[in-house]
Structures are given as C-alpha cells and as structure tokens.
Amino acid sequence: MTKGQTIVALLVVILIIAIVASFIYLSQQTQPSRQTQQQSKTTYGAALERAKEVECMNNLHQIRQLIQMFVSEQGSYPPNLQSLRFPAGVQPFCPITKGPYTYDPNTGTVKCPQHLRF
C-alpha cells in the first residue's frame, strides 16, 4: 500500500467522523418537538450505522490490498489474517458486530459475516 492510499483512507475516516459529529452538534443545538426528536434519533442512528458500514468496507478493501501485497512478496496467500501487518486504523474485525472477518487461505478471499455484499 502506498503512502497516498493510506492518507486517502485516513481522510475518508476523518470525513465520516466529521459528518457524525456535525449530526450530533446540530441535534443538540435545537430543541425540536417530540415528533421531530424521534425523526432526528432515527436519522442519527441511520447515519451512524452507515458510517460504520463504510468503515467496514474500507477495512475489507485495505485487507484485500494487504493480501495482494503478501502474494506478490511471498508467492502464496497468507495462512491467516494475523500474519498480515495491519496499518494503523485497519482492524481485522467488523466495527459493528466486533466479529472477526472470515478468511479463506485457499482463495485469499476475506468477507464480513455481517455485510455479505462487501
């Protein structure tokens, strides 16, 4: 992984955090009616869940790149995800469920059990 890709990934995470923080700030600034408060909580929850989905997708993308780098250096797929050197911010588990990603060392595929479409 190049330094530019790491910076882009970091900027994406910072952008997500800024969006979530702005939702929190805006929801605390106003005192809406009860119905509007319910909508705000629902919107905030949906935004937070989507942010975590994006983080999961980003983790998987970077892990897949690490696997490809391992293959180009070693000539075979890594035996497990722990044998990869994860950069800061990349986690080998889903940020929503905290469950580990599934990895098949025969094919080099990694998936999230919670987000099968990624």
PDB file of N, CA and C in Angstrom:
ATOM      1  N   MET A   1       0.844  -1.161   0.000  1.00  0.00           N
ATOM      2  CA  MET A   1       0.000   0.000   0.000  1.00  0.00           C
ATOM      3  C   MET A   1       0.893   1.229   0.000  1.00  0.00           C
ATOM      4  N   THR A   2       0.541   2.170  -0.832  1.00  0.00           N
ATOM      5  CA  THR A   2       1.361   3.374  -0.913  1.00  0.00           C
ATOM      6  C   THR A   2       0.954   4.370   0.154  1.00  0.00           C
ATOM      7  N   LYS A   3       1.822   5.337   0.357  1.00  0.00           N
ATOM      8  CA  LYS A   3       1.563   6.364   1.365  1.00  0.00           C
ATOM      9  C   LYS A   3       0.324   7.176   0.990  1.00  0.00           C
ATOM     10  N   GLY A   4       0.125   7.395  -0.313  1.00  0.00           N
ATOM     11  CA  GLY A   4      -1.035   8.154  -0.769  1.00  0.00           C
ATOM     12  C   GLY A   4      -2.341   7.442  -0.462  1.00  0.00           C
ATOM     13  N   GLN A   5      -2.356   6.114  -0.611  1.00  0.00           N
ATOM     14  CA  GLN A   5      -3.572   5.354  -0.306  1.00  0.00           C
ATOM     15  C   GLN A   5      -3.879   5.402   1.181  1.00  0.00           C
ATOM     16  N   THR A   6      -2.855   5.358   2.013  1.00  0.00           N
ATOM     17  CA  THR A   6      -3.065   5.429   3.455  1.00  0.00           C
ATOM     18  C   THR A   6      -3.631   6.787   3.839  1.00  0.00           C
ATOM     19  N   ILE A   7      -3.127   7.833   3.226  1.00  0.00           N
ATOM     20  CA  ILE A   7      -3.621   9.179   3.515  1.00  0.00           C
ATOM     21  C   ILE A   7      -5.069   9.319   3.076  1.00  0.00           C
ATOM     22  N   VAL A   8      -5.410   8.770   1.913  1.00  0.00           N
ATOM     23  CA  VAL A   8      -6.794   8.828   1.432  1.00  0.00           C
ATOM     24  C   VAL A   8      -7.714   8.085   2.389  1.00  0.00           C
ATOM     25  N   ALA A   9      -7.307   6.927   2.849  1.00  0.00           N
ATOM     26  CA  ALA A   9      -8.127   6.168   3.789  1.00  0.00           C
ATOM     27  C   ALA A   9      -8.311   6.931   5.087  1.00  0.00           C
ATOM     28  N   LEU A  10      -7.261   7.565   5.564  1.00  0.00           N
ATOM     29  CA  LEU A  10      -7.347   8.364   6.784  1.00  0.00           C
ATOM     30  C   LEU A  10      -8.289   9.543   6.591  1.00  0.00           C
ATOM     31  N   LEU A  11      -8.226  10.175   5.441  1.00  0.00           N
ATOM     32  CA  LEU A  11      -9.119  11.302   5.168  1.00  0.00           C
ATOM     33  C   LEU A  11     -10.574  10.860   5.101  1.00  0.00           C
ATOM     34  N   VAL A  12     -10.822   9.667   4.550  1.00  0.00           N
ATOM     35  CA  VAL A  12     -12.190   9.143   4.500  1.00  0.00           C
ATOM     36  C   VAL A  12     -12.721   8.930   5.915  1.00  0.00           C
ATOM     37  N   VAL A  13     -11.916   8.353   6.779  1.00  0.00           N
ATOM     38  CA  VAL A  13     -12.343   8.124   8.164  1.00  0.00           C
ATOM     39  C   VAL A  13     -12.577   9.453   8.879  1.00  0.00           C
ATOM     40  N   ILE A  14     -11.715  10.422   8.658  1.00  0.00           N
ATOM     41  CA  ILE A  14     -11.895  11.740   9.281  1.00  0.00           C
ATOM     42  C   ILE A  14     -13.168  12.398   8.774  1.00  0.00           C
ATOM     43  N   LEU A  15     -13.451  12.261   7.490  1.00  0.00           N
ATOM     44  CA  LEU A  15     -14.676  12.822   6.922  1.00  0.00           C
ATOM     45  C   LEU A  15     -15.910  12.186   7.551  1.00  0.00           C
ATOM     46  N   ILE A  16     -15.885  10.892   7.734  1.00  0.00           N
ATOM     47  CA  ILE A  16     -17.017  10.197   8.354  1.00  0.00           C
ATOM     48  C   ILE A  16     -17.210  10.689   9.786  1.00  0.00           C
ATOM     49  N   ILE A  17     -16.126  10.827  10.518  1.00  0.00           N
ATOM     50  CA  ILE A  17     -16.220  11.305  11.899  1.00  0.00           C
ATOM     51  C   ILE A  17     -16.768  12.730  11.928  1.00  0.00           C
ATOM     52  N   ALA A  18     -16.336  13.565  10.984  1.00  0.00           N
ATOM     53  CA  ALA A  18     -16.828  14.945  10.933  1.00  0.00           C
ATOM     54  C   ALA A  18     -18.328  14.986  10.640  1.00  0.00           C
ATOM     55  N   ILE A  19     -18.795  14.121   9.752  1.00  0.00           N
ATOM     56  CA  ILE A  19     -20.220  14.083   9.433  1.00  0.00           C
ATOM     57  C   ILE A  19     -21.025  13.654  10.651  1.00  0.00           C
ATOM     58  N   VAL A  20     -20.567  12.609  11.325  1.00  0.00           N
ATOM     59  CA  VAL A  20     -21.271  12.147  12.523  1.00  0.00           C
ATOM     60  C   VAL A  20     -21.250  13.224  13.607  1.00  0.00           C
ATOM     61  N   ALA A  21     -20.118  13.886  13.788  1.00  0.00           N
ATOM     62  CA  ALA A  21     -20.027  14.946  14.793  1.00  0.00           C
ATOM     63  C   ALA A  21     -20.961  16.105  14.461  1.00  0.00           C
ATOM     64  N   SER A  22     -21.094  16.419  13.176  1.00  0.00           N
ATOM     65  CA  SER A  22     -21.999  17.514  12.806  1.00  0.00           C
ATOM     66  C   SER A  22     -23.447  17.134  13.099  1.00  0.00           C
ATOM     67  N   PHE A  23     -23.810  15.865  12.888  1.00  0.00           N
ATOM     68  CA  PHE A  23     -25.166  15.427  13.239  1.00  0.00           C
ATOM     69  C   PHE A  23     -25.406  15.587  14.736  1.00  0.00           C
ATOM     70  N   ILE A  24     -24.434  15.205  15.535  1.00  0.00           N
ATOM     71  CA  ILE A  24     -24.581  15.330  16.989  1.00  0.00           C
ATOM     72  C   ILE A  24     -24.691  16.798  17.379  1.00  0.00           C
ATOM     73  N   TYR A  25     -23.831  17.629  16.821  1.00  0.00           N
ATOM     74  CA  TYR A  25     -23.844  19.057  17.155  1.00  0.00           C
ATOM     75  C   TYR A  25     -25.177  19.693  16.772  1.00  0.00           C
ATOM     76  N   LEU A  26     -25.651  19.416  15.564  1.00  0.00           N
ATOM     77  CA  LEU A  26     -26.908  20.016  15.116  1.00  0.00           C
ATOM     78  C   LEU A  26     -28.094  19.513  15.919  1.00  0.00           C
ATOM     79  N   SER A  27     -28.081  18.265  16.332  1.00  0.00           N
ATOM     80  CA  SER A  27     -29.204  17.738  17.100  1.00  0.00           C
ATOM     81  C   SER A  27     -29.226  18.330  18.512  1.00  0.00           C
ATOM     82  N   GLN A  28     -28.091  18.749  19.041  1.00  0.00           N
ATOM     83  CA  GLN A  28     -28.046  19.340  20.371  1.00  0.00           C
ATOM     84  C   GLN A  28     -28.345  20.830  20.354  1.00  0.00           C
ATOM     85  N   GLN A  29     -28.201  21.486  19.204  1.00  0.00           N
ATOM     86  CA  GLN A  29     -28.409  22.927  19.118  1.00  0.00           C
ATOM     87  C   GLN A  29     -29.879  23.315  19.142  1.00  0.00           C
ATOM     88  N   THR A  30     -30.727  22.474  18.632  1.00  0.00           N
ATOM     89  CA  THR A  30     -32.152  22.805  18.549  1.00  0.00           C
ATOM     90  C   THR A  30     -32.938  21.995  19.557  1.00  0.00           C
ATOM     91  N   GLN A  31     -34.073  22.507  19.981  1.00  0.00           N
ATOM     92  CA  GLN A  31     -34.971  21.790  20.868  1.00  0.00           C
ATOM     93  C   GLN A  31     -36.266  21.509  20.092  1.00  0.00           C
ATOM     94  N   PRO A  32     -36.259  20.529  19.210  1.00  0.00           N
ATOM     95  CA  PRO A  32     -37.427  20.272  18.376  1.00  0.00           C
ATOM     96  C   PRO A  32     -38.556  19.602  19.162  1.00  0.00           C
ATOM     97  N   SER A  33     -39.700  19.529  18.499  1.00  0.00           N
ATOM     98  CA  SER A  33     -40.851  18.855  19.103  1.00  0.00           C
ATOM     99  C   SER A  33     -40.555  17.370  19.266  1.00  0.00           C
ATOM    100  N   ARG A  34     -41.436  16.670  19.967  1.00  0.00           N
ATOM    101  CA  ARG A  34     -41.228  15.247  20.240  1.00  0.00           C
ATOM    102  C   ARG A  34     -41.155  14.438  18.944  1.00  0.00           C
ATOM    103  N   GLN A  35     -42.021  14.741  17.979  1.00  0.00           N
ATOM    104  CA  GLN A  35     -42.019  14.009  16.716  1.00  0.00           C
ATOM    105  C   GLN A  35     -40.713  14.257  15.955  1.00  0.00           C
ATOM    106  N   THR A  36     -40.251  15.500  15.940  1.00  0.00           N
ATOM    107  CA  THR A  36     -39.009  15.825  15.262  1.00  0.00           C
ATOM    108  C   THR A  36     -37.825  15.180  15.967  1.00  0.00           C
ATOM    109  N   GLN A  37     -37.878  15.106  17.305  1.00  0.00           N
ATOM    110  CA  GLN A  37     -36.811  14.436  18.052  1.00  0.00           C
ATOM    111  C   GLN A  37     -36.734  12.972  17.659  1.00  0.00           C
ATOM    112  N   GLN A  38     -37.871  12.318  17.490  1.00  0.00           N
ATOM    113  CA  GLN A  38     -37.885  10.908  17.101  1.00  0.00           C
ATOM    114  C   GLN A  38     -37.258  10.736  15.723  1.00  0.00           C
ATOM    115  N   GLN A  39     -37.593  11.638  14.784  1.00  0.00           N
ATOM    116  CA  GLN A  39     -37.011  11.562  13.456  1.00  0.00           C
ATOM    117  C   GLN A  39     -35.502  11.800  13.516  1.00  0.00           C
ATOM    118  N   SER A  40     -35.080  12.750  14.358  1.00  0.00           N
ATOM    119  CA  SER A  40     -33.662  13.062  14.485  1.00  0.00           C
ATOM    120  C   SER A  40     -32.885  11.853  15.006  1.00  0.00           C
ATOM    121  N   LYS A  41     -33.438  11.172  16.010  1.00  0.00           N
ATOM    122  CA  LYS A  41     -32.770   9.988  16.550  1.00  0.00           C
ATOM    123  C   LYS A  41     -32.674   8.901  15.486  1.00  0.00           C
ATOM    124  N   THR A  42     -33.721   8.743  14.708  1.00  0.00           N
ATOM    125  CA  THR A  42     -33.720   7.732  13.656  1.00  0.00           C
ATOM    126  C   THR A  42     -32.690   8.097  12.587  1.00  0.00           C
ATOM    127  N   THR A  43     -32.652   9.367  12.202  1.00  0.00           N
ATOM    128  CA  THR A  43     -31.689   9.817  11.202  1.00  0.00           C
ATOM    129  C   THR A  43     -30.269   9.671  11.726  1.00  0.00           C
ATOM    130  N   TYR A  44     -30.050  10.057  12.966  1.00  0.00           N
ATOM    131  CA  TYR A  44     -28.726   9.930  13.569  1.00  0.00           C
ATOM    132  C   TYR A  44     -28.294   8.470  13.618  1.00  0.00           C
ATOM    133  N   GLY A  45     -29.202   7.597  14.027  1.00  0.00           N
ATOM    134  CA  GLY A  45     -28.875   6.167  14.094  1.00  0.00           C
ATOM    135  C   GLY A  45     -28.545   5.603  12.726  1.00  0.00           C
ATOM    136  N   ALA A  46     -29.305   6.012  11.722  1.00  0.00           N
ATOM    137  CA  ALA A  46     -29.054   5.529  10.359  1.00  0.00           C
ATOM    138  C   ALA A  46     -27.711   6.049   9.854  1.00  0.00           C
ATOM    139  N   ALA A  47     -27.412   7.314  10.150  1.00  0.00           N
ATOM    140  CA  ALA A  47     -26.139   7.874   9.707  1.00  0.00           C
ATOM    141  C   ALA A  47     -24.974   7.186  10.399  1.00  0.00           C
ATOM    142  N   LEU A  48     -25.125   6.911  11.679  1.00  0.00           N
ATOM    143  CA  LEU A  48     -24.069   6.232  12.420  1.00  0.00           C
ATOM    144  C   LEU A  48     -23.850   4.815  11.894  1.00  0.00           C
ATOM    145  N   GLU A  49     -24.931   4.118  11.611  1.00  0.00           N
ATOM    146  CA  GLU A  49     -24.808   2.757  11.067  1.00  0.00           C
ATOM    147  C   GLU A  49     -24.145   2.788   9.693  1.00  0.00           C
ATOM    148  N   ARG A  50     -24.528   3.743   8.866  1.00  0.00           N
ATOM    149  CA  ARG A  50     -23.921   3.849   7.532  1.00  0.00           C
ATOM    150  C   ARG A  50     -22.435   4.176   7.643  1.00  0.00           C
ATOM    151  N   ALA A  51     -22.065   5.025   8.589  1.00  0.00           N
ATOM    152  CA  ALA A  51     -20.653   5.350   8.782  1.00  0.00           C
ATOM    153  C   ALA A  51     -19.859   4.111   9.163  1.00  0.00           C
ATOM    154  N   LYS A  52     -20.425   3.273  10.006  1.00  0.00           N
ATOM    155  CA  LYS A  52     -19.730   2.042  10.402  1.00  0.00           C
ATOM    156  C   LYS A  52     -19.664   1.057   9.238  1.00  0.00           C
ATOM    157  N   GLU A  53     -20.697   1.045   8.394  1.00  0.00           N
ATOM    158  CA  GLU A  53     -20.647   0.192   7.204  1.00  0.00           C
ATOM    159  C   GLU A  53     -19.523   0.636   6.277  1.00  0.00           C
ATOM    160  N   VAL A  54     -19.371   1.938   6.120  1.00  0.00           N
ATOM    161  CA  VAL A  54     -18.295   2.460   5.282  1.00  0.00           C
ATOM    162  C   VAL A  54     -16.937   2.104   5.885  1.00  0.00           C
ATOM    163  N   GLU A  55     -16.829   2.183   7.205  1.00  0.00           N
ATOM    164  CA  GLU A  55     -15.579   1.796   7.869  1.00  0.00           C
ATOM    165  C   GLU A  55     -15.286   0.316   7.636  1.00  0.00           C
ATOM    166  N   CYS A  56     -16.310  -0.520   7.701  1.00  0.00           N
ATOM    167  CA  CYS A  56     -16.138  -1.956   7.452  1.00  0.00           C
ATOM    168  C   CYS A  56     -15.678  -2.187   6.012  1.00  0.00           C
ATOM    169  N   MET A  57     -16.328  -1.503   5.067  1.00  0.00           N
ATOM    170  CA  MET A  57     -15.957  -1.647   3.663  1.00  0.00           C
ATOM    171  C   MET A  57     -14.514  -1.186   3.442  1.00  0.00           C
ATOM    172  N   ASN A  58     -14.120  -0.105   4.094  1.00  0.00           N
ATOM    173  CA  ASN A  58     -12.754   0.395   3.983  1.00  0.00           C
ATOM    174  C   ASN A  58     -11.757  -0.618   4.565  1.00  0.00           C
ATOM    175  N   ASN A  59     -12.078  -1.202   5.729  1.00  0.00           N
ATOM    176  CA  ASN A  59     -11.218  -2.229   6.318  1.00  0.00           C
ATOM    177  C   ASN A  59     -11.017  -3.388   5.347  1.00  0.00           C
ATOM    178  N   LEU A  60     -12.127  -3.878   4.784  1.00  0.00           N
ATOM    179  CA  LEU A  60     -12.036  -5.013   3.857  1.00  0.00           C
ATOM    180  C   LEU A  60     -11.197  -4.662   2.638  1.00  0.00           C
ATOM    181  N   HIS A  61     -11.381  -3.465   2.113  1.00  0.00           N
ATOM    182  CA  HIS A  61     -10.615  -3.043   0.940  1.00  0.00           C
ATOM    183  C   HIS A  61      -9.118  -3.031   1.255  1.00  0.00           C
ATOM    184  N   GLN A  62      -8.755  -2.473   2.398  1.00  0.00           N
ATOM    185  CA  GLN A  62      -7.341  -2.410   2.749  1.00  0.00           C
ATOM    186  C   GLN A  62      -6.774  -3.795   3.059  1.00  0.00           C
ATOM    187  N   ILE A  63      -7.559  -4.658   3.681  1.00  0.00           N
ATOM    188  CA  ILE A  63      -7.086  -6.024   3.955  1.00  0.00           C
ATOM    189  C   ILE A  63      -6.863  -6.764   2.644  1.00  0.00           C
ATOM    190  N   ARG A  64      -7.759  -6.570   1.687  1.00  0.00           N
ATOM    191  CA  ARG A  64      -7.581  -7.217   0.377  1.00  0.00           C
ATOM    192  C   ARG A  64      -6.313  -6.719  -0.313  1.00  0.00           C
ATOM    193  N   GLN A  65      -6.024  -5.433  -0.173  1.00  0.00           N
ATOM    194  CA  GLN A  65      -4.775  -4.913  -0.734  1.00  0.00           C
ATOM    195  C   GLN A  65      -3.561  -5.514  -0.023  1.00  0.00           C
ATOM    196  N   LEU A  66      -3.641  -5.670   1.292  1.00  0.00           N
ATOM    197  CA  LEU A  66      -2.546  -6.294   2.035  1.00  0.00           C
ATOM    198  C   LEU A  66      -2.332  -7.736   1.595  1.00  0.00           C
ATOM    199  N   ILE A  67      -3.428  -8.446   1.325  1.00  0.00           N
ATOM    200  CA  ILE A  67      -3.318  -9.835   0.850  1.00  0.00           C
ATOM    201  C   ILE A  67      -2.604  -9.870  -0.492  1.00  0.00           C
ATOM    202  N   GLN A  68      -2.966  -8.945  -1.397  1.00  0.00           N
ATOM    203  CA  GLN A  68      -2.311  -8.901  -2.704  1.00  0.00           C
ATOM    204  C   GLN A  68      -0.826  -8.567  -2.575  1.00  0.00           C
ATOM    205  N   MET A  69      -0.491  -7.682  -1.654  1.00  0.00           N
ATOM    206  CA  MET A  69       0.916  -7.363  -1.426  1.00  0.00           C
ATOM    207  C   MET A  69       1.653  -8.582  -0.878  1.00  0.00           C
ATOM    208  N   PHE A  70       1.012  -9.320   0.028  1.00  0.00           N
ATOM    209  CA  PHE A  70       1.612 -10.531   0.591  1.00  0.00           C
ATOM    210  C   PHE A  70       1.868 -11.545  -0.519  1.00  0.00           C
ATOM    211  N   VAL A  71       0.883 -11.706  -1.415  1.00  0.00           N
ATOM    212  CA  VAL A  71       1.021 -12.658  -2.519  1.00  0.00           C
ATOM    213  C   VAL A  71       2.166 -12.248  -3.437  1.00  0.00           C
ATOM    214  N   SER A  72       2.281 -10.952  -3.726  1.00  0.00           N
ATOM    215  CA  SER A  72       3.358 -10.520  -4.621  1.00  0.00           C
ATOM    216  C   SER A  72       4.735 -10.695  -3.976  1.00  0.00           C
ATOM    217  N   GLU A  73       4.813 -10.576  -2.659  1.00  0.00           N
ATOM    218  CA  GLU A  73       6.090 -10.745  -1.967  1.00  0.00           C
ATOM    219  C   GLU A  73       6.420 -12.212  -1.694  1.00  0.00           C
ATOM    220  N   GLN A  74       5.436 -12.992  -1.253  1.00  0.00           N
ATOM    221  CA  GLN A  74       5.675 -14.365  -0.800  1.00  0.00           C
ATOM    222  C   GLN A  74       5.352 -15.425  -1.848  1.00  0.00           C
ATOM    223  N   GLY A  75       4.500 -15.081  -2.815  1.00  0.00           N
ATOM    224  CA  GLY A  75       4.138 -16.046  -3.848  1.00  0.00           C
ATOM    225  C   GLY A  75       2.982 -16.950  -3.459  1.00  0.00           C
ATOM    226  N   SER A  76       2.376 -16.740  -2.310  1.00  0.00           N
ATOM    227  CA  SER A  76       1.222 -17.540  -1.886  1.00  0.00           C
ATOM    228  C   SER A  76       0.352 -16.684  -0.975  1.00  0.00           C
ATOM    229  N   TYR A  77      -0.864 -17.180  -0.746  1.00  0.00           N
ATOM    230  CA  TYR A  77      -1.771 -16.452   0.144  1.00  0.00           C
ATOM    231  C   TYR A  77      -1.302 -16.606   1.592  1.00  0.00           C
ATOM    232  N   PRO A  78      -1.568 -15.600   2.422  1.00  0.00           N
ATOM    233  CA  PRO A  78      -1.184 -15.734   3.834  1.00  0.00           C
ATOM    234  C   PRO A  78      -1.988 -16.834   4.520  1.00  0.00           C
ATOM    235  N   PRO A  79      -1.401 -17.530   5.487  1.00  0.00           N
ATOM    236  CA  PRO A  79      -2.125 -18.614   6.157  1.00  0.00           C
ATOM    237  C   PRO A  79      -3.300 -18.109   6.996  1.00  0.00           C
ATOM    238  N   ASN A  80      -3.206 -16.875   7.487  1.00  0.00           N
ATOM    239  CA  ASN A  80      -4.292 -16.275   8.262  1.00  0.00           C
ATOM    240  C   ASN A  80      -4.140 -14.763   8.222  1.00  0.00           C
ATOM    241  N   LEU A  81      -5.158 -14.066   8.703  1.00  0.00           N
ATOM    242  CA  LEU A  81      -5.113 -12.603   8.670  1.00  0.00           C
ATOM    243  C   LEU A  81      -4.090 -12.042   9.657  1.00  0.00           C
ATOM    244  N   GLN A  82      -3.789 -12.779  10.713  1.00  0.00           N
ATOM    245  CA  GLN A  82      -2.842 -12.292  11.708  1.00  0.00           C
ATOM    246  C   GLN A  82      -1.422 -12.206  11.157  1.00  0.00           C
ATOM    247  N   SER A  83      -1.136 -12.900  10.070  1.00  0.00           N
ATOM    248  CA  SER A  83       0.207 -12.849   9.503  1.00  0.00           C
ATOM    249  C   SER A  83       0.421 -11.599   8.653  1.00  0.00           C
ATOM    250  N   LEU A  84      -0.628 -10.803   8.450  1.00  0.00           N
ATOM    251  CA  LEU A  84      -0.502  -9.542   7.724  1.00  0.00           C
ATOM    252  C   LEU A  84      -0.118  -8.431   8.694  1.00  0.00           C
ATOM    253  N   ARG A  85       0.586  -7.432   8.192  1.00  0.00           N
ATOM    254  CA  ARG A  85       0.945  -6.276   9.019  1.00  0.00           C
ATOM    255  C   ARG A  85      -0.095  -5.191   8.764  1.00  0.00           C
ATOM    256  N   PHE A  86      -1.002  -5.021   9.710  1.00  0.00           N
ATOM    257  CA  PHE A  86      -2.074  -4.052   9.548  1.00  0.00           C
ATOM    258  C   PHE A  86      -1.575  -2.645   9.851  1.00  0.00           C
ATOM    259  N   PRO A  87      -1.863  -1.693   8.960  1.00  0.00           N
ATOM    260  CA  PRO A  87      -1.518  -0.298   9.277  1.00  0.00           C
ATOM    261  C   PRO A  87      -2.462   0.248  10.342  1.00  0.00           C
ATOM    262  N   ALA A  88      -2.119   1.367  10.903  1.00  0.00           N
ATOM    263  CA  ALA A  88      -2.953   1.984  11.940  1.00  0.00           C
ATOM    264  C   ALA A  88      -4.340   2.268  11.391  1.00  0.00           C
ATOM    265  N   GLY A  89      -5.354   1.932  12.172  1.00  0.00           N
ATOM    266  CA  GLY A  89      -6.731   2.202  11.781  1.00  0.00           C
ATOM    267  C   GLY A  89      -7.430   1.042  11.104  1.00  0.00           C
ATOM    268  N   VAL A  90      -6.692   0.065  10.613  1.00  0.00           N
ATOM    269  CA  VAL A  90      -7.308  -1.094   9.964  1.00  0.00           C
ATOM    270  C   VAL A  90      -7.453  -2.196  10.996  1.00  0.00           C
ATOM    271  N   GLN A  91      -8.659  -2.720  11.105  1.00  0.00           N
ATOM    272  CA  GLN A  91      -8.937  -3.750  12.097  1.00  0.00           C
ATOM    273  C   GLN A  91      -9.367  -5.034  11.396  1.00  0.00           C
ATOM    274  N   PRO A  92      -8.992  -6.199  11.924  1.00  0.00           N
ATOM    275  CA  PRO A  92      -9.385  -7.458  11.293  1.00  0.00           C
ATOM    276  C   PRO A  92     -10.770  -7.942  11.730  1.00  0.00           C
ATOM    277  N   PHE A  93     -11.631  -7.008  12.148  1.00  0.00           N
ATOM    278  CA  PHE A  93     -12.984  -7.378  12.562  1.00  0.00           C
ATOM    279  C   PHE A  93     -13.965  -6.277  12.179  1.00  0.00           C
ATOM    280  N   CYS A  94     -15.227  -6.636  12.134  1.00  0.00           N
ATOM    281  CA  CYS A  94     -16.287  -5.706  11.756  1.00  0.00           C
ATOM    282  C   CYS A  94     -16.488  -4.672  12.866  1.00  0.00           C
ATOM    283  N   PRO A  95     -16.518  -3.370  12.536  1.00  0.00           N
ATOM    284  CA  PRO A  95     -16.711  -2.355  13.570  1.00  0.00           C
ATOM    285  C   PRO A  95     -18.110  -2.354  14.165  1.00  0.00           C
ATOM    286  N   ILE A  96     -19.075  -2.967  13.505  1.00  0.00           N
ATOM    287  CA  ILE A  96     -20.446  -3.002  14.011  1.00  0.00           C
ATOM    288  C   ILE A  96     -20.637  -4.172  14.967  1.00  0.00           C
ATOM    289  N   THR A  97     -20.335  -5.380  14.501  1.00  0.00           N
ATOM    290  CA  THR A  97     -20.571  -6.573  15.309  1.00  0.00           C
ATOM    291  C   THR A  97     -19.379  -6.951  16.181  1.00  0.00           C
ATOM    292  N   LYS A  98     -18.223  -6.390  15.872  1.00  0.00           N
ATOM    293  CA  LYS A  98     -16.962  -6.736  16.544  1.00  0.00           C
ATOM    294  C   LYS A  98     -16.569  -8.190  16.286  1.00  0.00           C
ATOM    295  N   GLY A  99     -17.251  -8.835  15.335  1.00  0.00           N
ATOM    296  CA  GLY A  99     -16.914 -10.203  14.959  1.00  0.00           C
ATOM    297  C   GLY A  99     -15.780 -10.210  13.943  1.00  0.00           C
ATOM    298  N   PRO A 100     -14.948 -11.247  13.954  1.00  0.00           N
ATOM    299  CA  PRO A 100     -13.814 -11.294  13.026  1.00  0.00           C
ATOM    300  C   PRO A 100     -14.288 -11.515  11.588  1.00  0.00           C
ATOM    301  N   TYR A 101     -13.497 -11.021  10.654  1.00  0.00           N
ATOM    302  CA  TYR A 101     -13.766 -11.272   9.242  1.00  0.00           C
ATOM    303  C   TYR A 101     -13.450 -12.731   8.936  1.00  0.00           C
ATOM    304  N   THR A 102     -14.154 -13.298   7.981  1.00  0.00           N
ATOM    305  CA  THR A 102     -13.857 -14.667   7.571  1.00  0.00           C
ATOM    306  C   THR A 102     -12.829 -14.619   6.443  1.00  0.00           C
ATOM    307  N   TYR A 103     -11.861 -15.512   6.522  1.00  0.00           N
ATOM    308  CA  TYR A 103     -10.777 -15.545   5.550  1.00  0.00           C
ATOM    309  C   TYR A 103     -10.578 -16.973   5.075  1.00  0.00           C
ATOM    310  N   ASP A 104     -10.474 -17.127   3.757  1.00  0.00           N
ATOM    311  CA  ASP A 104     -10.211 -18.431   3.161  1.00  0.00           C
ATOM    312  C   ASP A 104      -8.782 -18.410   2.609  1.00  0.00           C
ATOM    313  N   PRO A 105      -7.853 -19.125   3.251  1.00  0.00           N
ATOM    314  CA  PRO A 105      -6.462 -19.085   2.798  1.00  0.00           C
ATOM    315  C   PRO A 105      -6.230 -19.786   1.458  1.00  0.00           C
ATOM    316  N   ASN A 106      -7.181 -20.598   1.019  1.00  0.00           N
ATOM    317  CA  ASN A 106      -7.021 -21.272  -0.272  1.00  0.00           C
ATOM    318  C   ASN A 106      -7.274 -20.329  -1.443  1.00  0.00           C
ATOM    319  N   THR A 107      -8.202 -19.396  -1.269  1.00  0.00           N
ATOM    320  CA  THR A 107      -8.543 -18.471  -2.346  1.00  0.00           C
ATOM    321  C   THR A 107      -8.106 -17.044  -2.058  1.00  0.00           C
ATOM    322  N   GLY A 108      -7.761 -16.749  -0.809  1.00  0.00           N
ATOM    323  CA  GLY A 108      -7.345 -15.410  -0.437  1.00  0.00           C
ATOM    324  C   GLY A 108      -8.498 -14.430  -0.305  1.00  0.00           C
ATOM    325  N   THR A 109      -9.717 -14.943  -0.147  1.00  0.00           N
ATOM    326  CA  THR A 109     -10.876 -14.053  -0.027  1.00  0.00           C
ATOM    327  C   THR A 109     -11.166 -13.764   1.439  1.00  0.00           C
ATOM    328  N   VAL A 110     -11.545 -12.520   1.697  1.00  0.00           N
ATOM    329  CA  VAL A 110     -11.909 -12.098   3.037  1.00  0.00           C
ATOM    330  C   VAL A 110     -13.274 -11.422   2.944  1.00  0.00           C
ATOM    331  N   LYS A 111     -14.148 -11.767   3.896  1.00  0.00           N
ATOM    332  CA  LYS A 111     -15.518 -11.247   3.887  1.00  0.00           C
ATOM    333  C   LYS A 111     -15.945 -10.898   5.302  1.00  0.00           C
ATOM    334  N   CYS A 112     -16.956 -10.045   5.360  1.00  0.00           N
ATOM    335  CA  CYS A 112     -17.566  -9.713   6.631  1.00  0.00           C
ATOM    336  C   CYS A 112     -18.852 -10.524   6.776  1.00  0.00           C
ATOM    337  N   PRO A 113     -19.013 -11.269   7.863  1.00  0.00           N
ATOM    338  CA  PRO A 113     -20.230 -12.049   8.027  1.00  0.00           C
ATOM    339  C   PRO A 113     -21.485 -11.175   8.104  1.00  0.00           C
ATOM    340  N   GLN A 114     -21.343  -9.943   8.575  1.00  0.00           N
ATOM    341  CA  GLN A 114     -22.490  -9.037   8.722  1.00  0.00           C
ATOM    342  C   GLN A 114     -22.855  -8.376   7.390  1.00  0.00           C
ATOM    343  N   HIS A 115     -21.863  -8.027   6.584  1.00  0.00           N
ATOM    344  CA  HIS A 115     -22.078  -7.304   5.336  1.00  0.00           C
ATOM    345  C   HIS A 115     -21.621  -8.165   4.162  1.00  0.00           C
ATOM    346  N   LEU A 116     -22.432  -9.079   3.765  1.00  0.00           N
ATOM    347  CA  LEU A 116     -22.031 -10.036   2.725  1.00  0.00           C
ATOM    348  C   LEU A 116     -21.858  -9.378   1.364  1.00  0.00           C
ATOM    349  N   ARG A 117     -22.466  -8.211   1.148  1.00  0.00           N
ATOM    350  CA  ARG A 117     -22.338  -7.567  -0.165  1.00  0.00           C
ATOM    351  C   ARG A 117     -20.989  -6.891  -0.360  1.00  0.00           C
ATOM    352  N   PHE A 118     -20.222  -6.721   0.713  1.00  0.00           N
ATOM    353  CA  PHE A 118     -18.894  -6.117   0.577  1.00  0.00           C
ATOM    354  C   PHE A 118     -17.924  -7.182   0.165  1.00  0.00           C
TER     355      PHE A 118
END
